[in-house]
Amino acid sequence: IAAKHNDPRLALKLWNGLDAPANVNAIEWHLTIARTALQAGEAAASADIIRRLLAGRTSISPQLAQRVLDLGQEMLDMRTIDAAQAVYALVVPLTNDAHAREALFGLGRAYELGGEPVPAASYYLRSALLVQAAAPDQLAFQARLLAALNLMRAGLRSDARAQFEWLLKNSKDPALTEAAKRGLARL
């Protein structure tokens, strides 16, 4: 009733610690409790619920990975950076490359929002380079641009220059090449 009346704090208080109802999948139950905790303003508790859900697993399904990534994005949207970092870090070793790239990109975003440009750039580059395809995709281009901007913020000018120059050489997107040109001009 509390959840239906948009009272996540009360719902969390009533549900926390309960086993999944007989008609609800245990994974769905954990995800529901984690989302409810986040909505109740308990981001750390939400991350802990996901940590318990994923504990002991060597891999997770793409569907579960996407649900956890969505929760991580909600955490970023709410600026609960530490919780988002924890959730994204849990996903990276457990899922396929596509979802691992999203999680690494999310970690880059979390560190960027936290004002830490060096780890942000590192995670963005890991995301861009995780899957080396014959032709980089849009996520790789975007990750490299964000890495370059963070490297520039950190004062690592030569590293930023290398990323901007790579974008100029490889991107066909006029907006990305223009951003790279502007970045190079600011160095």
N, C-alpha and C. Protein backbone atom coordinates (compact mmCIF):
# COMPACT_ATOMS: atom_id res chain seq x y z
N ILE A 1 0.84 -1.19 0.00
CA ILE A 1 0.00 0.00 0.00
C ILE A 1 0.88 1.25 0.00
N ALA A 2 1.95 1.23 0.81
CA ALA A 2 2.83 2.40 0.89
C ALA A 2 3.46 2.71 -0.47
N ALA A 3 3.86 1.68 -1.20
CA ALA A 3 4.47 1.89 -2.52
C ALA A 3 3.46 2.48 -3.49
N LYS A 4 2.23 2.01 -3.42
CA LYS A 4 1.20 2.51 -4.33
C LYS A 4 0.80 3.94 -4.00
N HIS A 5 1.03 4.35 -2.76
CA HIS A 5 0.71 5.73 -2.35
C HIS A 5 1.94 6.62 -2.39
N ASN A 6 2.96 6.18 -3.13
CA ASN A 6 4.18 6.95 -3.34
C ASN A 6 4.85 7.35 -2.02
N ASP A 7 5.00 6.39 -1.13
CA ASP A 7 5.70 6.60 0.13
C ASP A 7 6.84 5.59 0.22
N PRO A 8 7.94 5.86 -0.50
CA PRO A 8 9.02 4.88 -0.54
C PRO A 8 9.68 4.64 0.82
N ARG A 9 9.72 5.64 1.68
CA ARG A 9 10.33 5.45 3.01
C ARG A 9 9.56 4.40 3.82
N LEU A 10 8.26 4.53 3.82
CA LEU A 10 7.45 3.57 4.56
C LEU A 10 7.53 2.18 3.90
N ALA A 11 7.48 2.15 2.57
CA ALA A 11 7.59 0.87 1.87
C ALA A 11 8.91 0.19 2.20
N LEU A 12 10.00 0.95 2.21
CA LEU A 12 11.31 0.38 2.53
C LEU A 12 11.32 -0.14 3.97
N LYS A 13 10.76 0.62 4.86
CA LYS A 13 10.71 0.21 6.28
C LYS A 13 9.94 -1.10 6.44
N LEU A 14 8.86 -1.23 5.70
CA LEU A 14 8.02 -2.43 5.81
C LEU A 14 8.62 -3.63 5.08
N TRP A 15 9.29 -3.39 3.94
CA TRP A 15 9.78 -4.48 3.10
C TRP A 15 11.19 -4.93 3.44
N ASN A 16 12.01 -4.04 3.95
CA ASN A 16 13.42 -4.36 4.14
C ASN A 16 13.59 -5.56 5.06
N GLY A 17 14.33 -6.53 4.60
CA GLY A 17 14.58 -7.74 5.39
C GLY A 17 13.60 -8.86 5.14
N LEU A 18 12.52 -8.58 4.42
CA LEU A 18 11.55 -9.63 4.11
C LEU A 18 12.03 -10.48 2.95
N ASP A 19 11.71 -11.75 2.97
CA ASP A 19 11.98 -12.61 1.82
C ASP A 19 11.02 -12.23 0.71
N ALA A 20 11.38 -12.60 -0.50
CA ALA A 20 10.53 -12.32 -1.64
C ALA A 20 9.18 -13.02 -1.47
N PRO A 21 8.09 -12.33 -1.80
CA PRO A 21 6.78 -12.99 -1.76
C PRO A 21 6.77 -14.19 -2.70
N ALA A 22 5.90 -15.13 -2.44
CA ALA A 22 5.85 -16.37 -3.22
C ALA A 22 5.62 -16.14 -4.71
N ASN A 23 4.91 -15.09 -5.05
CA ASN A 23 4.57 -14.84 -6.45
C ASN A 23 5.56 -13.89 -7.14
N VAL A 24 6.68 -13.57 -6.48
CA VAL A 24 7.66 -12.63 -7.04
C VAL A 24 9.03 -13.30 -7.12
N ASN A 25 9.67 -13.16 -8.26
CA ASN A 25 11.02 -13.67 -8.47
C ASN A 25 11.97 -12.98 -7.48
N ALA A 26 12.91 -13.72 -6.91
CA ALA A 26 13.84 -13.17 -5.90
C ALA A 26 14.68 -12.03 -6.47
N ILE A 27 15.11 -12.15 -7.71
CA ILE A 27 15.90 -11.07 -8.32
C ILE A 27 15.06 -9.82 -8.46
N GLU A 28 13.83 -9.98 -8.96
CA GLU A 28 12.92 -8.84 -9.09
C GLU A 28 12.68 -8.18 -7.73
N TRP A 29 12.54 -8.99 -6.69
CA TRP A 29 12.31 -8.47 -5.35
C TRP A 29 13.49 -7.61 -4.90
N HIS A 30 14.71 -8.11 -5.09
CA HIS A 30 15.89 -7.33 -4.71
C HIS A 30 15.97 -6.02 -5.50
N LEU A 31 15.68 -6.09 -6.78
CA LEU A 31 15.70 -4.87 -7.59
C LEU A 31 14.64 -3.87 -7.15
N THR A 32 13.47 -4.38 -6.78
CA THR A 32 12.40 -3.52 -6.28
C THR A 32 12.81 -2.85 -4.97
N ILE A 33 13.38 -3.62 -4.06
CA ILE A 33 13.82 -3.06 -2.78
C ILE A 33 14.94 -2.03 -3.02
N ALA A 34 15.87 -2.34 -3.92
CA ALA A 34 16.97 -1.41 -4.20
C ALA A 34 16.43 -0.10 -4.79
N ARG A 35 15.50 -0.18 -5.72
CA ARG A 35 14.92 1.03 -6.31
C ARG A 35 14.12 1.80 -5.26
N THR A 36 13.40 1.10 -4.41
CA THR A 36 12.63 1.75 -3.35
C THR A 36 13.57 2.47 -2.38
N ALA A 37 14.68 1.82 -2.03
CA ALA A 37 15.66 2.46 -1.14
C ALA A 37 16.19 3.74 -1.77
N LEU A 38 16.49 3.69 -3.06
CA LEU A 38 16.99 4.89 -3.73
C LEU A 38 15.94 5.99 -3.71
N GLN A 39 14.69 5.64 -4.00
CA GLN A 39 13.61 6.62 -3.98
C GLN A 39 13.38 7.19 -2.58
N ALA A 40 13.72 6.40 -1.57
CA ALA A 40 13.57 6.85 -0.17
C ALA A 40 14.76 7.68 0.28
N GLY A 41 15.72 7.90 -0.61
CA GLY A 41 16.88 8.69 -0.26
C GLY A 41 17.99 7.89 0.40
N GLU A 42 17.91 6.57 0.31
CA GLU A 42 18.89 5.68 0.93
C GLU A 42 19.75 5.03 -0.16
N ALA A 43 20.56 5.85 -0.83
CA ALA A 43 21.36 5.36 -1.96
C ALA A 43 22.38 4.31 -1.52
N ALA A 44 23.01 4.51 -0.36
CA ALA A 44 23.99 3.53 0.11
C ALA A 44 23.32 2.19 0.37
N ALA A 45 22.13 2.21 0.95
CA ALA A 45 21.39 0.96 1.19
C ALA A 45 21.02 0.30 -0.14
N SER A 46 20.66 1.11 -1.12
CA SER A 46 20.33 0.58 -2.44
C SER A 46 21.54 -0.14 -3.05
N ALA A 47 22.70 0.50 -2.96
CA ALA A 47 23.93 -0.12 -3.48
C ALA A 47 24.25 -1.40 -2.72
N ASP A 48 24.03 -1.41 -1.42
CA ASP A 48 24.28 -2.62 -0.62
C ASP A 48 23.36 -3.77 -1.03
N ILE A 49 22.12 -3.45 -1.35
CA ILE A 49 21.17 -4.47 -1.80
C ILE A 49 21.65 -5.09 -3.12
N ILE A 50 22.12 -4.24 -4.02
CA ILE A 50 22.65 -4.75 -5.30
C ILE A 50 23.91 -5.56 -5.05
N ARG A 51 24.74 -5.12 -4.13
CA ARG A 51 25.96 -5.87 -3.80
C ARG A 51 25.60 -7.27 -3.31
N ARG A 52 24.60 -7.37 -2.44
CA ARG A 52 24.16 -8.68 -1.94
C ARG A 52 23.55 -9.52 -3.05
N LEU A 53 22.80 -8.88 -3.94
CA LEU A 53 22.18 -9.59 -5.06
C LEU A 53 23.24 -10.22 -5.97
N LEU A 54 24.32 -9.49 -6.20
CA LEU A 54 25.35 -9.96 -7.14
C LEU A 54 26.47 -10.76 -6.48
N ALA A 55 26.47 -10.80 -5.16
CA ALA A 55 27.56 -11.50 -4.43
C ALA A 55 27.63 -12.96 -4.84
N GLY A 56 28.85 -13.43 -5.07
CA GLY A 56 29.07 -14.83 -5.38
C GLY A 56 28.80 -15.22 -6.83
N ARG A 57 28.33 -14.30 -7.63
CA ARG A 57 28.05 -14.61 -9.04
C ARG A 57 29.32 -14.45 -9.86
N THR A 58 29.46 -15.27 -10.86
CA THR A 58 30.59 -15.13 -11.79
C THR A 58 30.15 -14.44 -13.07
N SER A 59 28.85 -14.37 -13.29
CA SER A 59 28.31 -13.65 -14.44
C SER A 59 26.84 -13.33 -14.16
N ILE A 60 26.32 -12.39 -14.94
CA ILE A 60 24.90 -12.06 -14.84
C ILE A 60 24.33 -11.96 -16.25
N SER A 61 23.04 -12.13 -16.35
CA SER A 61 22.39 -12.08 -17.66
C SER A 61 22.40 -10.64 -18.18
N PRO A 62 22.31 -10.50 -19.49
CA PRO A 62 22.24 -9.14 -20.06
C PRO A 62 21.04 -8.35 -19.52
N GLN A 63 19.93 -9.04 -19.27
CA GLN A 63 18.74 -8.36 -18.76
C GLN A 63 18.99 -7.82 -17.35
N LEU A 64 19.60 -8.63 -16.49
CA LEU A 64 19.89 -8.17 -15.14
C LEU A 64 20.93 -7.05 -15.19
N ALA A 65 21.94 -7.20 -16.04
CA ALA A 65 22.95 -6.15 -16.17
C ALA A 65 22.30 -4.83 -16.55
N GLN A 66 21.37 -4.87 -17.50
CA GLN A 66 20.71 -3.64 -17.93
C GLN A 66 19.89 -3.02 -16.81
N ARG A 67 19.22 -3.85 -16.04
CA ARG A 67 18.42 -3.32 -14.92
C ARG A 67 19.32 -2.66 -13.88
N VAL A 68 20.47 -3.26 -13.60
CA VAL A 68 21.40 -2.68 -12.63
C VAL A 68 22.02 -1.40 -13.20
N LEU A 69 22.35 -1.40 -14.48
CA LEU A 69 22.88 -0.18 -15.11
C LEU A 69 21.84 0.95 -15.06
N ASP A 70 20.59 0.61 -15.28
CA ASP A 70 19.53 1.62 -15.20
C ASP A 70 19.46 2.22 -13.79
N LEU A 71 19.61 1.37 -12.78
CA LEU A 71 19.61 1.85 -11.41
C LEU A 71 20.82 2.76 -11.17
N GLY A 72 21.97 2.36 -11.70
CA GLY A 72 23.16 3.21 -11.59
C GLY A 72 22.94 4.57 -12.23
N GLN A 73 22.27 4.60 -13.38
CA GLN A 73 21.98 5.87 -14.03
C GLN A 73 21.05 6.72 -13.18
N GLU A 74 20.05 6.09 -12.56
CA GLU A 74 19.16 6.83 -11.67
C GLU A 74 19.96 7.43 -10.51
N MET A 75 20.92 6.67 -10.00
CA MET A 75 21.77 7.18 -8.91
C MET A 75 22.56 8.40 -9.39
N LEU A 76 23.10 8.33 -10.60
CA LEU A 76 23.81 9.49 -11.13
C LEU A 76 22.87 10.68 -11.31
N ASP A 77 21.68 10.42 -11.81
CA ASP A 77 20.70 11.49 -12.00
C ASP A 77 20.38 12.18 -10.68
N MET A 78 20.41 11.40 -9.59
CA MET A 78 20.12 11.94 -8.26
C MET A 78 21.38 12.46 -7.57
N ARG A 79 22.50 12.38 -8.27
CA ARG A 79 23.80 12.83 -7.78
C ARG A 79 24.25 12.08 -6.53
N THR A 80 23.90 10.80 -6.45
CA THR A 80 24.40 9.94 -5.38
C THR A 80 25.59 9.17 -5.98
N ILE A 81 26.68 9.90 -6.09
CA ILE A 81 27.84 9.46 -6.87
C ILE A 81 28.49 8.21 -6.30
N ASP A 82 28.70 8.17 -4.99
CA ASP A 82 29.37 7.01 -4.39
C ASP A 82 28.59 5.72 -4.63
N ALA A 83 27.27 5.80 -4.49
CA ALA A 83 26.44 4.61 -4.72
C ALA A 83 26.50 4.20 -6.19
N ALA A 84 26.45 5.17 -7.09
CA ALA A 84 26.52 4.86 -8.52
C ALA A 84 27.86 4.20 -8.86
N GLN A 85 28.95 4.72 -8.29
CA GLN A 85 30.26 4.12 -8.54
C GLN A 85 30.28 2.67 -8.08
N ALA A 86 29.72 2.41 -6.91
CA ALA A 86 29.71 1.05 -6.37
C ALA A 86 28.92 0.11 -7.27
N VAL A 87 27.77 0.55 -7.73
CA VAL A 87 26.91 -0.29 -8.57
C VAL A 87 27.56 -0.55 -9.93
N TYR A 88 28.09 0.49 -10.55
CA TYR A 88 28.75 0.30 -11.85
C TYR A 88 29.95 -0.63 -11.72
N ALA A 89 30.73 -0.46 -10.66
CA ALA A 89 31.92 -1.30 -10.47
C ALA A 89 31.54 -2.77 -10.30
N LEU A 90 30.39 -3.04 -9.72
CA LEU A 90 29.93 -4.43 -9.56
C LEU A 90 29.62 -5.09 -10.89
N VAL A 91 29.12 -4.33 -11.84
CA VAL A 91 28.66 -4.87 -13.12
C VAL A 91 29.82 -5.24 -14.05
N VAL A 92 30.89 -4.43 -14.04
CA VAL A 92 31.97 -4.58 -15.03
C VAL A 92 32.48 -6.01 -15.16
N PRO A 93 32.86 -6.69 -14.07
CA PRO A 93 33.44 -8.03 -14.26
C PRO A 93 32.42 -9.15 -14.49
N LEU A 94 31.13 -8.85 -14.38
CA LEU A 94 30.12 -9.90 -14.40
C LEU A 94 29.33 -10.01 -15.70
N THR A 95 29.56 -9.13 -16.64
CA THR A 95 28.68 -9.10 -17.79
C THR A 95 29.44 -9.07 -19.11
N ASN A 96 28.68 -9.06 -20.20
CA ASN A 96 29.30 -9.04 -21.53
C ASN A 96 29.95 -7.68 -21.80
N ASP A 97 30.71 -7.63 -22.87
CA ASP A 97 31.47 -6.42 -23.17
C ASP A 97 30.59 -5.18 -23.37
N ALA A 98 29.44 -5.33 -24.01
CA ALA A 98 28.59 -4.17 -24.26
C ALA A 98 28.13 -3.53 -22.95
N HIS A 99 27.69 -4.36 -22.01
CA HIS A 99 27.25 -3.81 -20.73
C HIS A 99 28.44 -3.36 -19.88
N ALA A 100 29.56 -4.04 -19.98
CA ALA A 100 30.76 -3.61 -19.27
C ALA A 100 31.19 -2.23 -19.76
N ARG A 101 31.09 -2.00 -21.07
CA ARG A 101 31.42 -0.67 -21.62
C ARG A 101 30.50 0.39 -21.05
N GLU A 102 29.21 0.09 -20.95
CA GLU A 102 28.27 1.05 -20.37
C GLU A 102 28.62 1.34 -18.92
N ALA A 103 28.98 0.29 -18.18
CA ALA A 103 29.33 0.47 -16.77
C ALA A 103 30.61 1.29 -16.64
N LEU A 104 31.60 1.03 -17.49
CA LEU A 104 32.83 1.83 -17.45
C LEU A 104 32.55 3.29 -17.80
N PHE A 105 31.68 3.50 -18.79
CA PHE A 105 31.28 4.86 -19.15
C PHE A 105 30.58 5.53 -17.96
N GLY A 106 29.71 4.78 -17.30
CA GLY A 106 29.03 5.31 -16.11
C GLY A 106 30.00 5.65 -15.00
N LEU A 107 31.03 4.83 -14.82
CA LEU A 107 32.06 5.14 -13.82
C LEU A 107 32.79 6.42 -14.21
N GLY A 108 33.07 6.59 -15.50
CA GLY A 108 33.70 7.84 -15.94
C GLY A 108 32.82 9.03 -15.61
N ARG A 109 31.55 8.90 -15.88
CA ARG A 109 30.60 9.99 -15.59
C ARG A 109 30.54 10.27 -14.09
N ALA A 110 30.52 9.22 -13.29
CA ALA A 110 30.44 9.40 -11.83
C ALA A 110 31.68 10.14 -11.31
N TYR A 111 32.85 9.73 -11.76
CA TYR A 111 34.07 10.42 -11.32
C TYR A 111 34.12 11.85 -11.84
N GLU A 112 33.62 12.06 -13.05
CA GLU A 112 33.58 13.42 -13.58
C GLU A 112 32.67 14.30 -12.73
N LEU A 113 31.49 13.79 -12.40
CA LEU A 113 30.56 14.55 -11.55
C LEU A 113 31.14 14.79 -10.16
N GLY A 114 31.98 13.86 -9.70
CA GLY A 114 32.63 14.01 -8.41
C GLY A 114 33.85 14.90 -8.43
N GLY A 115 34.16 15.48 -9.59
CA GLY A 115 35.29 16.40 -9.68
C GLY A 115 36.65 15.72 -9.70
N GLU A 116 36.69 14.47 -10.17
CA GLU A 116 37.94 13.72 -10.23
C GLU A 116 38.25 13.40 -11.70
N PRO A 117 38.92 14.33 -12.41
CA PRO A 117 39.10 14.16 -13.85
C PRO A 117 40.04 13.03 -14.26
N VAL A 118 41.05 12.71 -13.47
CA VAL A 118 41.98 11.65 -13.89
C VAL A 118 41.31 10.28 -13.90
N PRO A 119 40.65 9.86 -12.80
CA PRO A 119 39.96 8.57 -12.90
C PRO A 119 38.81 8.60 -13.91
N ALA A 120 38.16 9.75 -14.06
CA ALA A 120 37.09 9.87 -15.06
C ALA A 120 37.65 9.57 -16.44
N ALA A 121 38.76 10.21 -16.78
CA ALA A 121 39.38 9.98 -18.09
C ALA A 121 39.78 8.52 -18.26
N SER A 122 40.31 7.94 -17.20
CA SER A 122 40.73 6.53 -17.27
C SER A 122 39.54 5.61 -17.58
N TYR A 123 38.44 5.81 -16.89
CA TYR A 123 37.27 4.96 -17.14
C TYR A 123 36.67 5.22 -18.52
N TYR A 124 36.64 6.48 -18.95
CA TYR A 124 36.15 6.76 -20.29
C TYR A 124 37.00 6.05 -21.34
N LEU A 125 38.32 6.11 -21.17
CA LEU A 125 39.20 5.43 -22.14
C LEU A 125 39.04 3.92 -22.09
N ARG A 126 38.90 3.37 -20.90
CA ARG A 126 38.65 1.92 -20.80
C ARG A 126 37.37 1.55 -21.53
N SER A 127 36.35 2.39 -21.41
CA SER A 127 35.09 2.14 -22.11
C SER A 127 35.30 2.20 -23.62
N ALA A 128 36.03 3.20 -24.08
CA ALA A 128 36.26 3.36 -25.52
C ALA A 128 37.08 2.21 -26.08
N LEU A 129 38.00 1.68 -25.30
CA LEU A 129 38.94 0.69 -25.82
C LEU A 129 38.60 -0.75 -25.49
N LEU A 130 37.53 -0.98 -24.74
CA LEU A 130 37.20 -2.34 -24.32
C LEU A 130 36.99 -3.26 -25.52
N VAL A 131 36.28 -2.79 -26.50
CA VAL A 131 36.03 -3.58 -27.70
C VAL A 131 36.67 -2.84 -28.86
N GLN A 132 37.73 -3.41 -29.37
CA GLN A 132 38.42 -2.80 -30.52
C GLN A 132 37.77 -3.30 -31.80
N ALA A 133 36.94 -2.49 -32.36
CA ALA A 133 36.28 -2.85 -33.62
C ALA A 133 37.04 -2.21 -34.78
N ALA A 134 36.75 -2.69 -35.97
CA ALA A 134 37.38 -2.12 -37.16
C ALA A 134 37.04 -0.64 -37.27
N ALA A 135 35.81 -0.30 -36.94
CA ALA A 135 35.38 1.10 -36.95
C ALA A 135 34.78 1.42 -35.59
N PRO A 136 35.35 2.38 -34.87
CA PRO A 136 34.80 2.74 -33.55
C PRO A 136 33.35 3.18 -33.66
N ASP A 137 32.57 2.90 -32.63
CA ASP A 137 31.17 3.30 -32.63
C ASP A 137 31.00 4.63 -31.91
N GLN A 138 29.76 5.09 -31.85
CA GLN A 138 29.46 6.40 -31.26
C GLN A 138 29.87 6.46 -29.79
N LEU A 139 29.69 5.38 -29.05
CA LEU A 139 30.09 5.38 -27.65
C LEU A 139 31.60 5.56 -27.51
N ALA A 140 32.37 4.93 -28.37
CA ALA A 140 33.83 5.07 -28.33
C ALA A 140 34.24 6.51 -28.63
N PHE A 141 33.61 7.13 -29.62
CA PHE A 141 33.93 8.53 -29.93
C PHE A 141 33.57 9.45 -28.77
N GLN A 142 32.38 9.25 -28.22
CA GLN A 142 31.95 10.09 -27.11
C GLN A 142 32.85 9.89 -25.89
N ALA A 143 33.21 8.64 -25.62
CA ALA A 143 34.08 8.36 -24.47
C ALA A 143 35.45 9.01 -24.66
N ARG A 144 35.98 8.96 -25.86
CA ARG A 144 37.29 9.59 -26.11
C ARG A 144 37.22 11.10 -25.96
N LEU A 145 36.13 11.71 -26.43
CA LEU A 145 35.99 13.16 -26.26
C LEU A 145 35.92 13.52 -24.78
N LEU A 146 35.12 12.80 -24.02
CA LEU A 146 35.01 13.08 -22.59
C LEU A 146 36.32 12.80 -21.86
N ALA A 147 37.05 11.78 -22.29
CA ALA A 147 38.37 11.51 -21.71
C ALA A 147 39.30 12.69 -21.99
N ALA A 148 39.31 13.18 -23.23
CA ALA A 148 40.17 14.31 -23.58
C ALA A 148 39.84 15.54 -22.74
N LEU A 149 38.56 15.82 -22.58
CA LEU A 149 38.16 16.99 -21.78
C LEU A 149 38.59 16.84 -20.32
N ASN A 150 38.47 15.64 -19.78
CA ASN A 150 38.89 15.42 -18.40
C ASN A 150 40.40 15.47 -18.26
N LEU A 151 41.12 14.96 -19.24
CA LEU A 151 42.58 15.05 -19.23
C LEU A 151 43.01 16.52 -19.27
N MET A 152 42.30 17.31 -20.06
CA MET A 152 42.59 18.74 -20.14
C MET A 152 42.35 19.40 -18.78
N ARG A 153 41.23 19.06 -18.13
CA ARG A 153 40.94 19.61 -16.80
C ARG A 153 42.00 19.25 -15.78
N ALA A 154 42.57 18.05 -15.94
CA ALA A 154 43.58 17.58 -15.00
C ALA A 154 44.96 18.15 -15.31
N GLY A 155 45.08 18.91 -16.40
CA GLY A 155 46.36 19.50 -16.76
C GLY A 155 47.26 18.56 -17.54
N LEU A 156 46.73 17.44 -17.99
CA LEU A 156 47.51 16.47 -18.76
C LEU A 156 47.35 16.80 -20.25
N ARG A 157 47.99 17.87 -20.64
CA ARG A 157 47.80 18.45 -21.96
C ARG A 157 48.21 17.53 -23.10
N SER A 158 49.34 16.87 -22.98
CA SER A 158 49.78 16.01 -24.09
C SER A 158 48.85 14.81 -24.26
N ASP A 159 48.35 14.27 -23.15
CA ASP A 159 47.39 13.16 -23.25
C ASP A 159 46.07 13.63 -23.85
N ALA A 160 45.63 14.81 -23.44
CA ALA A 160 44.40 15.37 -24.01
C ALA A 160 44.59 15.62 -25.50
N ARG A 161 45.75 16.18 -25.86
CA ARG A 161 46.04 16.45 -27.28
C ARG A 161 45.96 15.16 -28.10
N ALA A 162 46.52 14.09 -27.58
CA ALA A 162 46.50 12.81 -28.32
C ALA A 162 45.06 12.35 -28.58
N GLN A 163 44.18 12.52 -27.61
CA GLN A 163 42.78 12.11 -27.80
C GLN A 163 42.06 13.02 -28.78
N PHE A 164 42.27 14.34 -28.66
CA PHE A 164 41.65 15.27 -29.60
C PHE A 164 42.13 14.99 -31.02
N GLU A 165 43.42 14.73 -31.19
CA GLU A 165 43.96 14.44 -32.52
C GLU A 165 43.41 13.13 -33.06
N TRP A 166 43.23 12.14 -32.20
CA TRP A 166 42.64 10.87 -32.64
C TRP A 166 41.22 11.13 -33.15
N LEU A 167 40.46 11.95 -32.44
CA LEU A 167 39.10 12.26 -32.87
C LEU A 167 39.10 12.95 -34.23
N LEU A 168 40.01 13.91 -34.42
CA LEU A 168 40.07 14.60 -35.71
C LEU A 168 40.40 13.63 -36.84
N LYS A 169 41.25 12.69 -36.56
CA LYS A 169 41.68 11.73 -37.59
C LYS A 169 40.60 10.70 -37.90
N ASN A 170 39.83 10.28 -36.90
CA ASN A 170 38.93 9.13 -37.06
C ASN A 170 37.45 9.45 -37.12
N SER A 171 37.03 10.59 -36.62
CA SER A 171 35.60 10.88 -36.57
C SER A 171 35.13 11.54 -37.86
N LYS A 172 33.96 11.11 -38.29
CA LYS A 172 33.31 11.72 -39.46
C LYS A 172 32.17 12.64 -39.02
N ASP A 173 31.91 12.65 -37.73
CA ASP A 173 30.83 13.46 -37.17
C ASP A 173 31.29 14.92 -37.06
N PRO A 174 30.61 15.84 -37.75
CA PRO A 174 31.04 17.24 -37.71
C PRO A 174 31.05 17.85 -36.30
N ALA A 175 30.10 17.44 -35.47
CA ALA A 175 30.06 17.98 -34.11
C ALA A 175 31.26 17.52 -33.29
N LEU A 176 31.63 16.25 -33.44
CA LEU A 176 32.79 15.73 -32.71
C LEU A 176 34.09 16.36 -33.20
N THR A 177 34.23 16.50 -34.51
CA THR A 177 35.46 17.11 -35.02
C THR A 177 35.55 18.57 -34.61
N GLU A 178 34.43 19.25 -34.58
CA GLU A 178 34.42 20.65 -34.12
C GLU A 178 34.80 20.73 -32.64
N ALA A 179 34.25 19.83 -31.84
CA ALA A 179 34.60 19.80 -30.40
C ALA A 179 36.08 19.51 -30.22
N ALA A 180 36.63 18.61 -31.02
CA ALA A 180 38.05 18.29 -30.94
C ALA A 180 38.90 19.49 -31.34
N LYS A 181 38.49 20.20 -32.38
CA LYS A 181 39.22 21.40 -32.79
C LYS A 181 39.20 22.46 -31.69
N ARG A 182 38.04 22.66 -31.08
CA ARG A 182 37.94 23.62 -29.97
C ARG A 182 38.81 23.20 -28.80
N GLY A 183 38.83 21.89 -28.51
CA GLY A 183 39.67 21.39 -27.42
C GLY A 183 41.13 21.64 -27.70
N LEU A 184 41.57 21.36 -28.91
CA LEU A 184 42.98 21.59 -29.27
C LEU A 184 43.33 23.09 -29.17
N ALA A 185 42.41 23.93 -29.56
CA ALA A 185 42.65 25.38 -29.50
C ALA A 185 42.80 25.86 -28.05
N ARG A 186 42.17 25.17 -27.12
CA ARG A 186 42.23 25.57 -25.70
C ARG A 186 43.49 25.06 -25.00
N LEU A 187 44.21 24.13 -25.64
CA LEU A 187 45.41 23.58 -25.01
C LEU A 187 46.58 24.54 -25.05
